[in-house]
Structure formats: structure tokens, C-alpha cells
Amino acid sequence: MLGGAATCEAEGLLAIRDDGDGVARAIRDALADAGLAPADVGMIVAHGNGTPQSDASEAAALRSVFGASMPPVTAFKWAFGHLIAAAGILDAALALAALKQGVVPGIAPLAEIAPDCTGLPLSTAAQTPRSDVALVVCRGFAGTDAALLLRLR
């Protein structure tokens, strides 16, 4: 683990800020904790739970932090569901497995990218990470947002 951070939007049990501010702050704080820049991140494991508002706000956060030079993005919840508190642990384990194989897994059932997620480097095909650092983004109830930076050693 290189660094991590958590934030809370504190807007209500199920409320999500459309601008992705909490997610963006968690990512920026995790990068600062790790002493890394956005360009150092090789792949992003998005929370990607498939709900339009959550995915759109997460996409806004990723654009805010990474701009046009975003690394490949994937998500795993399509394969195993949300799992509530266990989702982040599984996302972290799968991110490390992907780094070990030198691949950003594709999102198999992705048929169409939602308009609010246009421009994110998502694919059904495997992609190549641009470095050996993975960012894992997790979200929870009551506006909880977390970001974790991992490197396989």
C-alpha cells in the first residue's frame, strides 16, 4: 500500500454529490499521502457500481483529478456484485492480480458507455497499465469515499 485517504460528503444516507467532490478529494489526498502525481497512476479500479448517478459523479471526479491524461479504467462489480463492505477488499486484491499480470481487465458486459462517462478510457478488451501503480476507488453509504494506491512488490 502506497497511500490512501477517505472523505465523507455527509449529505445523507443515500445522497451522492453530482460533482464527485468527495471522490476527487479522496483521490487527491491518497496521492498526496503516497507522494505521487496523477501521472504516476497506471490503472484505475473504479467503484463502478452501475448506477447512473454514482457512475456519473465518479466519472466527474476522475476527470477532475486526471484530466485528459487518465490511465485505463476498469471495474469489477459487474462480475461479483457489490458485496457492501467486502467490495473494496476484493477490488484491491483484483487490482494487485491485474498488476501482477500486467493487464487492465476489460469490462465484459460493457455494451455502451453512458453519456456522463464518455471520454473515460473504458473497454471490453484488456488494456495495458501505464505503470505499476493501481488506484482503487470505493464508495459507501452516507457519502463515504475512499481511495487506495497499490503497487505490487
Foldseek 3Di string as FASTA:
>chain_A
DQFKFKDFPQPAFADDDQQLVRQLVRVVRRCVSNVHAQLQAFEEAELPQPDVSVVLNSLNSQCVRQPLNHHAYHYDCVPPHNPAPCRQVVSVVVLLVCLVVQKDAADQVDPDDDPSNPSHNHHNHIDGTPHQKYWYWHAHTSRMIMIHIDGHD
